Protein backbone atom coordinates (compact mmCIF):
# COMPACT_ATOMS: atom_id res chain seq x y z
CA UNK A 1 115.10 122.49 87.84
CA UNK A 2 117.65 120.84 90.10
CA UNK A 3 115.37 121.17 93.09
CA UNK A 4 112.55 119.47 91.16
CA UNK A 5 114.82 116.57 90.30
CA UNK A 6 115.86 116.27 93.94
CA UNK A 7 112.23 116.33 95.07
CA UNK A 8 111.21 113.64 92.58
CA UNK A 9 114.20 111.53 93.60
CA UNK A 10 113.24 111.79 97.27
CA UNK A 11 109.61 110.86 96.54
CA UNK A 12 110.62 107.86 94.43
CA UNK A 13 113.17 106.75 97.04
CA UNK A 14 110.53 106.90 99.77
CA UNK A 15 108.13 104.96 97.57
CA UNK A 16 110.65 102.33 96.60
CA UNK A 17 112.52 101.79 99.88
CA UNK A 18 110.02 102.31 102.70
CA UNK A 19 108.29 98.95 102.17
CA UNK A 20 111.52 96.91 102.03
CA UNK A 21 112.86 98.71 105.12
CA UNK A 22 109.66 97.84 107.01
CA UNK A 23 109.90 94.24 105.79
CA UNK A 24 113.54 94.11 106.88
CA UNK A 25 112.56 95.29 110.37
CA UNK A 26 110.11 92.39 110.67
CA UNK A 27 112.79 89.93 109.52
CA UNK A 28 115.74 91.20 111.57
CA UNK A 29 116.60 88.43 114.07
CA UNK A 30 118.00 90.79 116.72
CA UNK A 31 114.61 92.53 117.03
CA UNK A 32 112.40 89.42 116.79
CA UNK A 33 113.76 87.21 119.55
CA UNK A 34 111.62 86.07 122.45
CA UNK A 35 114.03 87.76 124.85
CA UNK A 36 113.77 91.25 123.32
CA UNK A 37 112.64 94.06 125.54
CA UNK A 38 109.01 95.19 125.25
CA UNK A 39 110.08 98.76 124.50
CA UNK A 40 112.17 97.50 121.57
CA UNK A 41 109.17 95.52 120.29
CA UNK A 42 107.00 98.62 120.56
CA UNK A 43 109.61 100.71 118.73
CA UNK A 44 109.81 98.06 115.99
CA UNK A 45 106.02 98.06 115.60
CA UNK A 46 105.89 101.84 115.44
CA UNK A 47 108.67 101.97 112.84
CA UNK A 48 107.09 99.23 110.72
CA UNK A 49 103.74 101.03 110.85
CA UNK A 50 105.21 104.43 110.00
CA UNK A 51 107.33 103.12 107.13
CA UNK A 52 104.41 101.12 105.77
CA UNK A 53 101.95 104.00 105.96
CA UNK A 54 104.29 106.52 104.37
CA UNK A 55 105.27 104.07 101.64
CA UNK A 56 101.69 103.04 100.93
CA UNK A 57 100.43 106.62 100.74
CA UNK A 58 103.19 107.77 98.40
CA UNK A 59 102.86 104.59 96.34
CA UNK A 60 99.13 105.12 95.96
CA UNK A 61 99.57 108.74 94.91
CA UNK A 62 102.25 107.84 92.38
CA UNK A 63 100.21 104.90 91.10
CA UNK A 64 97.22 107.17 90.45
CA UNK A 65 99.17 110.10 88.98
CA UNK A 66 101.84 108.41 86.87
CA UNK A 67 101.31 107.09 83.35
CA UNK A 68 104.82 105.59 83.15
CA UNK A 69 105.17 101.83 83.47
CA UNK A 70 108.49 101.93 85.35
CA UNK A 71 107.14 104.29 88.01
CA UNK A 72 103.96 102.24 88.36
CA UNK A 73 106.10 99.12 88.91
CA UNK A 74 108.12 100.96 91.58
CA UNK A 75 104.92 102.03 93.33
CA UNK A 76 103.52 98.51 93.15
CA UNK A 77 106.72 97.03 94.57
CA UNK A 78 106.76 99.51 97.45
CA UNK A 79 103.10 98.96 98.24
CA UNK A 80 103.31 95.15 98.13
CA UNK A 81 106.37 95.00 100.37
CA UNK A 82 104.67 97.35 102.84
CA UNK A 83 101.61 95.06 102.83
CA UNK A 84 103.74 91.99 103.55
CA UNK A 85 105.59 93.86 106.32
CA UNK A 86 102.30 94.72 108.03
CA UNK A 87 101.07 91.16 107.56
CA UNK A 88 104.24 89.73 109.12
CA UNK A 89 104.14 92.18 112.01
CA UNK A 90 100.49 92.08 113.00
CA UNK A 91 99.25 88.75 111.58
CA UNK A 92 102.12 86.25 111.81
CA UNK A 93 99.81 83.21 111.64
CA UNK A 94 97.96 84.49 108.59
CA UNK A 95 94.87 86.58 108.00
CA UNK A 96 92.37 83.91 109.06
CA UNK A 97 90.70 83.33 105.69
CA UNK A 98 91.27 79.58 105.81
CA UNK A 99 88.29 78.90 108.05
CA UNK A 100 86.03 81.01 105.87
CA UNK A 101 86.90 79.09 102.71
CA UNK A 102 86.58 75.70 104.43
CA UNK A 103 83.04 76.38 105.54
CA UNK A 104 83.78 78.09 108.84
CA UNK A 105 84.42 74.91 110.80
CA UNK A 106 86.08 75.13 114.16
CA UNK A 107 88.99 72.79 114.79
CA UNK A 108 87.99 72.24 118.41
CA UNK A 109 84.83 70.46 117.28
CA UNK A 110 86.57 68.10 114.88
CA UNK A 111 88.37 64.82 115.51
CA UNK A 112 91.56 66.62 116.50
CA UNK A 113 89.75 68.56 119.24
CA UNK A 114 88.16 65.52 120.94
CA UNK A 115 90.89 64.59 123.38
C-alpha cells in the first residue's frame, strides 16, 4: 500500500507542478534576455515543451478518470498553466484571433499603413 501512495503522490505532483515549472521557465529573466545563447534558448524551449506535454497528458488522464473535485481542480490548474506556458513561449504576441474577430482586415491597408 505504501508504494501505491508513493505512485499516486508522484502522479499528482507531476500533474500539479509541471505546468507552473514550464511557466516559470518562460518568465525567468536570465533565460529570456536578448543576449542569451541560442543553445540556451533551444534548451529552454525543449524543457518548456516537455514539461507542458507531460503535465497536459497526466492532467487529461486524471481529469477523465477522477470523480473527486479536488483532483479535478489540480488537473485543471496544471493543464491551464501548461497552456499559458506554451502560449508565452511560442506565441508571445498572441494567437492571432484579433484579426479574425475584426473582420480580417489587414493593418497595412488602413490609415496607419499609408505612410
